[in-house]
Amino acid sequence: MKRSIRFFTVSALAAGIAACGGGSDGSGSTGTVSFDVTDAPATEFSNVTVAFTGFAMKPQDGKWVEFTFDETKTWNLLDLQGGVSEPLITDEEVPAGPYSELRLLVDTDNSYLTLKDQPDVQKTLAVPSGEQSGLKLKGDFLVAADTTTDFTIDFDVKKSIVNPQGESLADYLLKPSLRLVNNLEVGSITGEVDYVTLSQTQDCASDYEGSVYVYEGADVTPTDINVYGEEAGPLMAVPVADEDLEGLHTYTAAFLTAGEYTISYSCQLDDNETDDALEFQGTQNVTVVENTETTAEPIPLIQ
């Protein structure tokens, strides 16, 4: 079941999941949690199908709380964009308290991707750390006692899929770039881009309508995805699209924690494995408010 973000609607689905694990805060109190998965958009793939077999969460002072799915949960992550998500676990009771790590177990034999220029050729996927340890996300989060907390895991395909460029376990490696948000603390940004005019005045890539890059904080100098060290790369790059074929190119950046952001547009292709030195247009600051869709000013053009 797909569901559009109206940020905090809880699915009634709780399909066959068994849980086990140790306590968290030593008090014996519990809370209820739901975890969904979504995807920050990508442009070079036509399909990224990942099969999830289980989920686990690690209390700071306790044993792993593990969930094994009776049926594998398989999704094309490219369908989970623009605020759409799917449930990993729903309304599960777990020990209350602070947690430090998540783990998503993947069946790589039933996971694959296809490229836009080779849509009929399935490429294999492998997890470098092995299927047993899964895809890991480290970071502190809190499960409140005697209440329900809803989280979303943002699975950034564009940053996560790596071409090994040589001998490897598979055609592509799954080295996840995961981001965890509390659904009570997020909003979204939506806006328009005058791509038709821009493509006539800028050095745009062919058959590519560009992306809006989103950076945490105000007044950030935009950079491409392949940034390391002290510079902060984009939180996500959201493709613009004329979905209604009416000449209006729009974008939506969802599941953003409330706060200040910088957005900027580029119509040049971004390779996440090289330093592309992209040119950006229309850089502006946007404030994201909890449980609100914020409409940004139309991307201004630099002639």
C-alpha atoms as a PDB file:
ATOM      1  CA  MET A   1       0.000   0.000   0.000  1.00  0.00           C
ATOM      2  CA  LYS A   2       1.448   3.330  -1.045  1.00  0.00           C
ATOM      3  CA  ARG A   3       0.512   6.421   0.865  1.00  0.00           C
ATOM      4  CA  SER A   4       1.063  10.047   0.294  1.00  0.00           C
ATOM      5  CA  ILE A   5       2.531  12.046   3.126  1.00  0.00           C
ATOM      6  CA  ARG A   6      -0.011  13.914   5.100  1.00  0.00           C
ATOM      7  CA  PHE A   7       2.593  13.705   7.498  1.00  0.00           C
ATOM      8  CA  PHE A   8       1.384  11.568  10.327  1.00  0.00           C
ATOM      9  CA  THR A   9      -1.282   9.157   9.159  1.00  0.00           C
ATOM     10  CA  VAL A  10      -0.488   5.728  10.608  1.00  0.00           C
ATOM     11  CA  SER A  11      -1.136   2.688   8.436  1.00  0.00           C
ATOM     12  CA  ALA A  12      -3.278  -0.090   9.873  1.00  0.00           C
ATOM     13  CA  LEU A  13      -1.070  -2.691   8.237  1.00  0.00           C
ATOM     14  CA  ALA A  14       0.830  -4.860  10.706  1.00  0.00           C
ATOM     15  CA  ALA A  15       1.510  -7.875   8.546  1.00  0.00           C
ATOM     16  CA  GLY A  16       3.003 -10.920  10.281  1.00  0.00           C
ATOM     17  CA  ILE A  17       6.017  -9.554  12.127  1.00  0.00           C
ATOM     18  CA  ALA A  18       7.608 -11.266  15.109  1.00  0.00           C
ATOM     19  CA  ALA A  19       9.658  -9.201  17.560  1.00  0.00           C
ATOM     20  CA  CYS A  20      12.221 -10.100  20.169  1.00  0.00           C
ATOM     21  CA  GLY A  21      14.854  -8.212  22.109  1.00  0.00           C
ATOM     22  CA  GLY A  22      16.013  -6.740  25.390  1.00  0.00           C
ATOM     23  CA  GLY A  23      15.080  -3.726  27.464  1.00  0.00           C
ATOM     24  CA  SER A  24      16.194  -0.182  26.803  1.00  0.00           C
ATOM     25  CA  ASP A  25      15.920   2.123  29.786  1.00  0.00           C
ATOM     26  CA  GLY A  26      15.707  -0.477  32.542  1.00  0.00           C
ATOM     27  CA  SER A  27      12.294   0.781  33.703  1.00  0.00           C
ATOM     28  CA  GLY A  28      10.225  -1.805  31.845  1.00  0.00           C
ATOM     29  CA  SER A  29       8.234   0.915  30.087  1.00  0.00           C
ATOM     30  CA  THR A  30       7.358   0.547  26.423  1.00  0.00           C
ATOM     31  CA  GLY A  31       6.345   2.674  23.471  1.00  0.00           C
ATOM     32  CA  THR A  32       4.827   1.995  20.075  1.00  0.00           C
ATOM     33  CA  VAL A  33       6.751   2.676  16.861  1.00  0.00           C
ATOM     34  CA  SER A  34       6.211   2.673  13.120  1.00  0.00           C
ATOM     35  CA  PHE A  35       9.030   2.871  10.564  1.00  0.00           C
ATOM     36  CA  ASP A  36       8.432   3.682   6.910  1.00  0.00           C
ATOM     37  CA  VAL A  37      10.868   3.873   4.015  1.00  0.00           C
ATOM     38  CA  THR A  38      10.974   6.609   1.355  1.00  0.00           C
ATOM     39  CA  ASP A  39      13.465   7.594  -1.346  1.00  0.00           C
ATOM     40  CA  ALA A  40      15.123  10.844  -2.341  1.00  0.00           C
ATOM     41  CA  PRO A  41      14.792  10.934  -6.139  1.00  0.00           C
ATOM     42  CA  ALA A  42      17.379   9.745  -8.667  1.00  0.00           C
ATOM     43  CA  THR A  43      17.641  10.359 -12.400  1.00  0.00           C
ATOM     44  CA  GLU A  44      19.851   7.733 -14.036  1.00  0.00           C
ATOM     45  CA  PHE A  45      17.859   4.617 -13.026  1.00  0.00           C
ATOM     46  CA  SER A  46      14.523   3.347 -14.307  1.00  0.00           C
ATOM     47  CA  ASN A  47      14.069   0.810 -11.498  1.00  0.00           C
ATOM     48  CA  VAL A  48      15.786   0.139  -8.153  1.00  0.00           C
ATOM     49  CA  THR A  49      14.061  -2.846  -6.559  1.00  0.00           C
ATOM     50  CA  VAL A  50      15.163  -3.794  -3.052  1.00  0.00           C
ATOM     51  CA  ALA A  51      13.833  -6.793  -1.105  1.00  0.00           C
ATOM     52  CA  PHE A  52      13.738  -6.277   2.672  1.00  0.00           C
ATOM     53  CA  THR A  53      13.584  -9.379   4.880  1.00  0.00           C
ATOM     54  CA  GLY A  54      13.875  -7.858   8.335  1.00  0.00           C
ATOM     55  CA  PHE A  55      14.474  -4.828  10.511  1.00  0.00           C
ATOM     56  CA  ALA A  56      16.279  -4.254  13.808  1.00  0.00           C
ATOM     57  CA  MET A  57      16.843  -1.388  16.244  1.00  0.00           C
ATOM     58  CA  LYS A  58      19.508  -1.159  18.962  1.00  0.00           C
ATOM     59  CA  PRO A  59      18.782   0.389  22.379  1.00  0.00           C
ATOM     60  CA  GLN A  60      21.747   2.298  23.766  1.00  0.00           C
ATOM     61  CA  ASP A  61      21.870   0.010  26.810  1.00  0.00           C
ATOM     62  CA  GLY A  62      20.152  -3.132  25.628  1.00  0.00           C
ATOM     63  CA  LYS A  63      19.987  -5.964  23.150  1.00  0.00           C
ATOM     64  CA  TRP A  64      18.860  -5.604  19.555  1.00  0.00           C
ATOM     65  CA  VAL A  65      15.090  -5.543  19.021  1.00  0.00           C
ATOM     66  CA  GLU A  66      14.640  -7.630  15.869  1.00  0.00           C
ATOM     67  CA  PHE A  67      11.767  -8.063  13.420  1.00  0.00           C
ATOM     68  CA  THR A  68      11.690 -10.840  10.823  1.00  0.00           C
ATOM     69  CA  PHE A  69       9.144 -10.390   8.048  1.00  0.00           C
ATOM     70  CA  ASP A  70       6.983 -13.426   7.250  1.00  0.00           C
ATOM     71  CA  GLU A  71       6.886 -12.159   3.654  1.00  0.00           C
ATOM     72  CA  THR A  72       9.688 -10.221   2.006  1.00  0.00           C
ATOM     73  CA  LYS A  73       8.813  -6.554   1.479  1.00  0.00           C
ATOM     74  CA  THR A  74       9.910  -5.703  -2.043  1.00  0.00           C
ATOM     75  CA  TRP A  75       9.588  -2.226  -3.537  1.00  0.00           C
ATOM     76  CA  ASN A  76      10.908  -0.254  -6.451  1.00  0.00           C
ATOM     77  CA  LEU A  77      12.353   2.597  -4.412  1.00  0.00           C
ATOM     78  CA  LEU A  78      11.861   4.981  -7.319  1.00  0.00           C
ATOM     79  CA  ASP A  79       8.106   4.729  -6.654  1.00  0.00           C
ATOM     80  CA  LEU A  80       8.660   6.135  -3.149  1.00  0.00           C
ATOM     81  CA  GLN A  81       9.392   9.765  -4.014  1.00  0.00           C
ATOM     82  CA  GLY A  82       7.820  13.161  -3.504  1.00  0.00           C
ATOM     83  CA  GLY A  83       6.418  12.248  -0.082  1.00  0.00           C
ATOM     84  CA  VAL A  84       5.288   8.662  -0.814  1.00  0.00           C
ATOM     85  CA  SER A  85       6.380   5.977   1.661  1.00  0.00           C
ATOM     86  CA  GLU A  86       5.834   2.311   2.492  1.00  0.00           C
ATOM     87  CA  PRO A  87       5.704   0.658   5.951  1.00  0.00           C
ATOM     88  CA  LEU A  88       8.544  -1.517   7.240  1.00  0.00           C
ATOM     89  CA  ILE A  89       6.934  -2.046  10.646  1.00  0.00           C
ATOM     90  CA  THR A  90       3.670  -0.578  11.928  1.00  0.00           C
ATOM     91  CA  ASP A  91       2.434  -0.013  15.491  1.00  0.00           C
ATOM     92  CA  GLU A  92       4.954  -2.339  17.126  1.00  0.00           C
ATOM     93  CA  GLU A  93       5.533  -2.258  20.891  1.00  0.00           C
ATOM     94  CA  VAL A  94       9.205  -1.908  21.859  1.00  0.00           C
ATOM     95  CA  PRO A  95      11.163  -0.882  24.973  1.00  0.00           C
ATOM     96  CA  ALA A  96      11.015   2.872  25.552  1.00  0.00           C
ATOM     97  CA  GLY A  97      14.178   4.937  25.751  1.00  0.00           C
ATOM     98  CA  PRO A  98      17.147   6.051  23.636  1.00  0.00           C
ATOM     99  CA  TYR A  99      18.308   4.023  20.633  1.00  0.00           C
ATOM    100  CA  SER A 100      21.596   4.289  18.719  1.00  0.00           C
ATOM    101  CA  GLU A 101      21.362   2.222  15.517  1.00  0.00           C
ATOM    102  CA  LEU A 102      19.045   0.722  12.913  1.00  0.00           C
ATOM    103  CA  ARG A 103      19.591  -2.205  10.579  1.00  0.00           C
ATOM    104  CA  LEU A 104      17.682  -3.162   7.418  1.00  0.00           C
ATOM    105  CA  LEU A 105      18.189  -6.738   6.196  1.00  0.00           C
ATOM    106  CA  VAL A 106      18.210  -7.163   2.417  1.00  0.00           C
ATOM    107  CA  ASP A 107      17.814 -10.189   0.164  1.00  0.00           C
ATOM    108  CA  THR A 108      20.232  -9.243  -2.613  1.00  0.00           C
ATOM    109  CA  ASP A 109      19.250 -12.275  -4.722  1.00  0.00           C
ATOM    110  CA  ASN A 110      15.887 -10.608  -5.270  1.00  0.00           C
ATOM    111  CA  SER A 111      17.173  -7.036  -5.490  1.00  0.00           C
ATOM    112  CA  TYR A 112      18.235  -5.418  -8.740  1.00  0.00           C
ATOM    113  CA  LEU A 113      18.287  -2.208 -10.759  1.00  0.00           C
ATOM    114  CA  THR A 114      17.861  -1.108 -14.351  1.00  0.00           C
ATOM    115  CA  LEU A 115      19.299   1.924 -16.086  1.00  0.00           C
ATOM    116  CA  LYS A 116      17.246   4.383 -18.092  1.00  0.00           C
ATOM    117  CA  ASP A 117      19.300   3.706 -21.216  1.00  0.00           C
ATOM    118  CA  GLN A 118      19.050  -0.111 -20.696  1.00  0.00           C
ATOM    119  CA  PRO A 119      15.575  -0.639 -19.198  1.00  0.00           C
ATOM    120  CA  ASP A 120      15.395  -4.318 -20.207  1.00  0.00           C
ATOM    121  CA  VAL A 121      18.704  -5.329 -18.604  1.00  0.00           C
ATOM    122  CA  GLN A 122      18.639  -6.159 -14.882  1.00  0.00           C
ATOM    123  CA  LYS A 123      21.814  -5.287 -12.991  1.00  0.00           C
ATOM    124  CA  THR A 124      22.707  -7.197  -9.823  1.00  0.00           C
ATOM    125  CA  LEU A 125      23.118  -5.523  -6.432  1.00  0.00           C
ATOM    126  CA  ALA A 126      25.344  -6.473  -3.502  1.00  0.00           C
ATOM    127  CA  VAL A 127      25.809  -5.127   0.018  1.00  0.00           C
ATOM    128  CA  PRO A 128      29.575  -4.776   0.657  1.00  0.00           C
ATOM    129  CA  SER A 129      29.255  -5.628   4.358  1.00  0.00           C
ATOM    130  CA  GLY A 130      27.229  -8.753   3.587  1.00  0.00           C
ATOM    131  CA  GLU A 131      23.571  -9.647   3.853  1.00  0.00           C
ATOM    132  CA  GLN A 132      23.822 -10.764   7.481  1.00  0.00           C
ATOM    133  CA  SER A 133      24.719  -7.325   8.845  1.00  0.00           C
ATOM    134  CA  GLY A 134      22.390  -5.497   6.486  1.00  0.00           C
ATOM    135  CA  LEU A 135      22.171  -1.794   5.747  1.00  0.00           C
ATOM    136  CA  LYS A 136      23.153   0.176   8.838  1.00  0.00           C
ATOM    137  CA  LEU A 137      22.077   3.579  10.049  1.00  0.00           C
ATOM    138  CA  LYS A 138      23.789   4.924  13.161  1.00  0.00           C
ATOM    139  CA  GLY A 139      22.378   7.865  15.049  1.00  0.00           C
ATOM    140  CA  ASP A 140      20.529   8.591  18.278  1.00  0.00           C
ATOM    141  CA  PHE A 141      16.744   8.615  18.419  1.00  0.00           C
ATOM    142  CA  LEU A 142      14.175   8.278  21.194  1.00  0.00           C
ATOM    143  CA  VAL A 143      11.170   6.023  21.623  1.00  0.00           C
ATOM    144  CA  ALA A 144       8.821   7.762  24.042  1.00  0.00           C
ATOM    145  CA  ALA A 145       7.035   5.740  26.711  1.00  0.00           C
ATOM    146  CA  ASP A 146       3.294   5.090  26.551  1.00  0.00           C
ATOM    147  CA  THR A 147       2.804   6.800  23.194  1.00  0.00           C
ATOM    148  CA  THR A 148       3.252   6.216  19.470  1.00  0.00           C
ATOM    149  CA  THR A 149       6.251   7.566  17.539  1.00  0.00           C
ATOM    150  CA  ASP A 150       6.368   7.442  13.740  1.00  0.00           C
ATOM    151  CA  PHE A 151       9.681   7.526  11.873  1.00  0.00           C
ATOM    152  CA  THR A 152      10.642   7.577   8.201  1.00  0.00           C
ATOM    153  CA  ILE A 153      13.913   6.258   6.765  1.00  0.00           C
ATOM    154  CA  ASP A 154      14.950   8.256   3.707  1.00  0.00           C
ATOM    155  CA  PHE A 155      16.834   5.918   1.375  1.00  0.00           C
ATOM    156  CA  ASP A 156      18.794   8.163  -1.000  1.00  0.00           C
ATOM    157  CA  VAL A 157      19.236   6.001  -4.115  1.00  0.00           C
ATOM    158  CA  LYS A 158      21.355   8.556  -5.987  1.00  0.00           C
ATOM    159  CA  LYS A 159      23.984   8.542  -3.230  1.00  0.00           C
ATOM    160  CA  SER A 160      23.619   4.858  -2.318  1.00  0.00           C
ATOM    161  CA  ILE A 161      24.121   3.044  -5.628  1.00  0.00           C
ATOM    162  CA  VAL A 162      27.774   2.828  -6.636  1.00  0.00           C
ATOM    163  CA  ASN A 163      29.268   1.440  -9.835  1.00  0.00           C
ATOM    164  CA  PRO A 164      32.400  -0.459  -8.691  1.00  0.00           C
ATOM    165  CA  GLN A 165      34.101   0.075 -12.073  1.00  0.00           C
ATOM    166  CA  GLY A 166      35.739  -3.350 -12.102  1.00  0.00           C
ATOM    167  CA  GLU A 167      35.642  -6.747 -10.444  1.00  0.00           C
ATOM    168  CA  SER A 168      33.054  -6.808  -7.670  1.00  0.00           C
ATOM    169  CA  LEU A 169      30.432  -8.865  -5.871  1.00  0.00           C
ATOM    170  CA  ALA A 170      27.805  -7.561  -8.308  1.00  0.00           C
ATOM    171  CA  ASP A 171      27.201  -5.085 -11.110  1.00  0.00           C
ATOM    172  CA  TYR A 172      26.442  -2.363  -8.556  1.00  0.00           C
ATOM    173  CA  LEU A 173      27.063  -1.951  -4.828  1.00  0.00           C
ATOM    174  CA  LEU A 174      24.479  -0.838  -2.312  1.00  0.00           C
ATOM    175  CA  LYS A 175      26.348   1.461   0.094  1.00  0.00           C
ATOM    176  CA  PRO A 176      23.402   3.193   1.681  1.00  0.00           C
ATOM    177  CA  SER A 177      23.003   6.856   2.432  1.00  0.00           C
ATOM    178  CA  LEU A 178      20.169   6.673   4.952  1.00  0.00           C
ATOM    179  CA  ARG A 179      18.511   9.481   6.894  1.00  0.00           C
ATOM    180  CA  LEU A 180      16.099   9.023   9.807  1.00  0.00           C
ATOM    181  CA  VAL A 181      13.401  11.581  10.632  1.00  0.00           C
ATOM    182  CA  ASN A 182      10.641  11.777  13.212  1.00  0.00           C
ATOM    183  CA  ASN A 183       7.414  12.399  11.299  1.00  0.00           C
ATOM    184  CA  LEU A 184       6.262  14.958  13.873  1.00  0.00           C
ATOM    185  CA  GLU A 185       9.246  17.139  13.008  1.00  0.00           C
ATOM    186  CA  VAL A 186       9.130  17.274   9.209  1.00  0.00           C
ATOM    187  CA  GLY A 187       7.677  19.346   6.390  1.00  0.00           C
ATOM    188  CA  SER A 188       8.326  19.703   2.662  1.00  0.00           C
ATOM    189  CA  ILE A 189       9.328  22.202  -0.029  1.00  0.00           C
ATOM    190  CA  THR A 190       7.584  22.474  -3.374  1.00  0.00           C
ATOM    191  CA  GLY A 191       8.155  24.879  -6.232  1.00  0.00           C
ATOM    192  CA  GLU A 192       8.414  25.614  -9.941  1.00  0.00           C
ATOM    193  CA  VAL A 193      11.279  25.947 -12.425  1.00  0.00           C
ATOM    194  CA  ASP A 194      11.042  27.757 -15.767  1.00  0.00           C
ATOM    195  CA  TYR A 195      12.976  25.005 -17.523  1.00  0.00           C
ATOM    196  CA  VAL A 196      11.924  25.968 -21.043  1.00  0.00           C
ATOM    197  CA  THR A 197      13.459  29.443 -20.795  1.00  0.00           C
ATOM    198  CA  LEU A 198      16.449  28.191 -18.836  1.00  0.00           C
ATOM    199  CA  SER A 199      17.302  25.462 -21.356  1.00  0.00           C
ATOM    200  CA  GLN A 200      17.443  28.098 -24.077  1.00  0.00           C
ATOM    201  CA  THR A 201      19.914  30.275 -22.191  1.00  0.00           C
ATOM    202  CA  GLN A 202      22.076  27.804 -20.250  1.00  0.00           C
ATOM    203  CA  ASP A 203      24.378  24.883 -21.082  1.00  0.00           C
ATOM    204  CA  CYS A 204      21.866  22.196 -20.072  1.00  0.00           C
ATOM    205  CA  ALA A 205      22.356  18.455 -20.532  1.00  0.00           C
ATOM    206  CA  SER A 206      20.308  16.878 -23.302  1.00  0.00           C
ATOM    207  CA  ASP A 207      17.178  14.934 -22.296  1.00  0.00           C
ATOM    208  CA  TYR A 208      17.526  16.176 -18.718  1.00  0.00           C
ATOM    209  CA  GLU A 209      15.300  18.770 -17.075  1.00  0.00           C
ATOM    210  CA  GLY A 210      17.562  19.357 -14.109  1.00  0.00           C
ATOM    211  CA  SER A 211      17.299  18.994 -10.347  1.00  0.00           C
ATOM    212  CA  VAL A 212      16.804  21.217  -7.341  1.00  0.00           C
ATOM    213  CA  TYR A 213      19.549  20.629  -4.767  1.00  0.00           C
ATOM    214  CA  VAL A 214      18.600  20.967  -1.093  1.00  0.00           C
ATOM    215  CA  TYR A 215      21.175  21.906   1.578  1.00  0.00           C
ATOM    216  CA  GLU A 216      20.803  22.105   5.345  1.00  0.00           C
ATOM    217  CA  GLY A 217      21.187  25.661   6.650  1.00  0.00           C
ATOM    218  CA  ALA A 218      20.767  29.105   5.128  1.00  0.00           C
ATOM    219  CA  ASP A 219      23.189  30.793   2.700  1.00  0.00           C
ATOM    220  CA  VAL A 220      24.992  27.569   1.759  1.00  0.00           C
ATOM    221  CA  THR A 221      27.165  27.721  -1.361  1.00  0.00           C
ATOM    222  CA  PRO A 222      25.759  24.967  -3.613  1.00  0.00           C
ATOM    223  CA  THR A 223      28.011  22.040  -4.531  1.00  0.00           C
ATOM    224  CA  ASP A 224      27.547  18.767  -6.379  1.00  0.00           C
ATOM    225  CA  ILE A 225      26.874  15.458  -4.648  1.00  0.00           C
ATOM    226  CA  ASN A 226      30.486  14.253  -4.613  1.00  0.00           C
ATOM    227  CA  VAL A 227      31.666  16.490  -1.748  1.00  0.00           C
ATOM    228  CA  TYR A 228      33.795  15.338   1.155  1.00  0.00           C
ATOM    229  CA  GLY A 229      35.573  16.908   4.092  1.00  0.00           C
ATOM    230  CA  GLU A 230      34.431  20.144   5.697  1.00  0.00           C
ATOM    231  CA  GLU A 231      32.093  21.185   2.881  1.00  0.00           C
ATOM    232  CA  ALA A 232      28.492  20.102   3.192  1.00  0.00           C
ATOM    233  CA  GLY A 233      27.073  18.408   0.127  1.00  0.00           C
ATOM    234  CA  PRO A 234      23.370  18.434  -0.680  1.00  0.00           C
ATOM    235  CA  LEU A 235      20.920  16.628   1.546  1.00  0.00           C
ATOM    236  CA  MET A 236      19.121  15.563  -1.633  1.00  0.00           C
ATOM    237  CA  ALA A 237      18.846  16.434  -5.329  1.00  0.00           C
ATOM    238  CA  VAL A 238      15.220  16.471  -6.507  1.00  0.00           C
ATOM    239  CA  PRO A 239      14.549  16.188 -10.266  1.00  0.00           C
ATOM    240  CA  VAL A 240      12.090  18.653 -11.779  1.00  0.00           C
ATOM    241  CA  ALA A 241       9.445  17.264 -14.101  1.00  0.00           C
ATOM    242  CA  ASP A 242       6.550  18.364 -16.265  1.00  0.00           C
ATOM    243  CA  GLU A 243       4.233  15.639 -14.985  1.00  0.00           C
ATOM    244  CA  ASP A 244       1.094  17.094 -16.553  1.00  0.00           C
ATOM    245  CA  LEU A 245       2.834  17.868 -19.872  1.00  0.00           C
ATOM    246  CA  GLU A 246       1.583  21.440 -19.650  1.00  0.00           C
ATOM    247  CA  GLY A 247       4.976  23.128 -19.701  1.00  0.00           C
ATOM    248  CA  LEU A 248       5.090  23.664 -15.935  1.00  0.00           C
ATOM    249  CA  HIS A 249       8.122  21.999 -14.329  1.00  0.00           C
ATOM    250  CA  THR A 250       7.727  21.324 -10.616  1.00  0.00           C
ATOM    251  CA  TYR A 251       9.534  19.555  -7.766  1.00  0.00           C
ATOM    252  CA  THR A 252       8.838  18.379  -4.206  1.00  0.00           C
ATOM    253  CA  ALA A 253      11.463  17.798  -1.518  1.00  0.00           C
ATOM    254  CA  ALA A 254       9.781  15.847   1.302  1.00  0.00           C
ATOM    255  CA  PHE A 255      10.546  14.597   4.823  1.00  0.00           C
ATOM    256  CA  LEU A 256      12.714  17.606   5.707  1.00  0.00           C
ATOM    257  CA  THR A 257      13.235  18.338   9.394  1.00  0.00           C
ATOM    258  CA  ALA A 258      11.879  21.779  10.304  1.00  0.00           C
ATOM    259  CA  GLY A 259      14.532  24.488   9.937  1.00  0.00           C
ATOM    260  CA  GLU A 260      16.456  26.592   7.448  1.00  0.00           C
ATOM    261  CA  TYR A 261      17.510  25.269   4.029  1.00  0.00           C
ATOM    262  CA  THR A 262      19.223  26.508   0.890  1.00  0.00           C
ATOM    263  CA  ILE A 263      17.922  25.359  -2.483  1.00  0.00           C
ATOM    264  CA  SER A 264      19.548  25.758  -5.899  1.00  0.00           C
ATOM    265  CA  TYR A 265      18.886  24.468  -9.410  1.00  0.00           C
ATOM    266  CA  SER A 266      21.205  22.897 -11.972  1.00  0.00           C
ATOM    267  CA  CYS A 267      20.369  21.495 -15.404  1.00  0.00           C
ATOM    268  CA  GLN A 268      23.732  19.732 -15.748  1.00  0.00           C
ATOM    269  CA  LEU A 269      24.132  16.035 -15.023  1.00  0.00           C
ATOM    270  CA  ASP A 270      25.703  15.134 -11.672  1.00  0.00           C
ATOM    271  CA  ASP A 271      27.866  12.003 -11.413  1.00  0.00           C
ATOM    272  CA  ASN A 272      28.072  11.012  -7.746  1.00  0.00           C
ATOM    273  CA  GLU A 273      31.473   9.379  -8.309  1.00  0.00           C
ATOM    274  CA  THR A 274      33.337  12.399  -9.716  1.00  0.00           C
ATOM    275  CA  ASP A 275      33.667  16.101  -8.986  1.00  0.00           C
ATOM    276  CA  ASP A 276      31.407  17.628 -11.605  1.00  0.00           C
ATOM    277  CA  ALA A 277      31.829  21.368 -10.842  1.00  0.00           C
ATOM    278  CA  LEU A 278      28.199  22.030 -11.670  1.00  0.00           C
ATOM    279  CA  GLU A 279      26.781  25.432 -12.487  1.00  0.00           C
ATOM    280  CA  PHE A 280      23.818  26.467 -10.333  1.00  0.00           C
ATOM    281  CA  GLN A 281      21.033  28.975 -10.824  1.00  0.00           C
ATOM    282  CA  GLY A 282      18.399  30.477  -8.558  1.00  0.00           C
ATOM    283  CA  THR A 283      19.953  29.891  -5.132  1.00  0.00           C
ATOM    284  CA  GLN A 284      17.596  30.917  -2.318  1.00  0.00           C
ATOM    285  CA  ASN A 285      16.808  30.267   1.349  1.00  0.00           C
ATOM    286  CA  VAL A 286      13.644  28.430   2.417  1.00  0.00           C
ATOM    287  CA  THR A 287      12.240  27.841   5.908  1.00  0.00           C
ATOM    288  CA  VAL A 288      10.610  24.437   6.476  1.00  0.00           C
ATOM    289  CA  VAL A 289       7.818  24.289   9.048  1.00  0.00           C
ATOM    290  CA  GLU A 290       6.578  21.130  10.751  1.00  0.00           C
ATOM    291  CA  ASN A 291       3.591  19.445   9.087  1.00  0.00           C
ATOM    292  CA  THR A 292       3.537  22.097   6.354  1.00  0.00           C
ATOM    293  CA  GLU A 293       4.191  22.130   2.614  1.00  0.00           C
ATOM    294  CA  THR A 294       6.204  25.286   1.958  1.00  0.00           C
ATOM    295  CA  THR A 295       6.010  26.776  -1.520  1.00  0.00           C
ATOM    296  CA  ALA A 296       9.326  28.274  -2.570  1.00  0.00           C
ATOM    297  CA  GLU A 297       9.612  31.280  -4.851  1.00  0.00           C
ATOM    298  CA  PRO A 298       9.893  30.264  -8.538  1.00  0.00           C
ATOM    299  CA  ILE A 299      13.519  29.547  -9.349  1.00  0.00           C
ATOM    300  CA  PRO A 300      14.820  32.867 -10.724  1.00  0.00           C
ATOM    301  CA  LEU A 301      16.883  32.795 -13.882  1.00  0.00           C
ATOM    302  CA  ILE A 302      20.379  34.184 -14.240  1.00  0.00           C
ATOM    303  CA  GLN A 303      20.787  35.360 -17.817  1.00  0.00           C
END
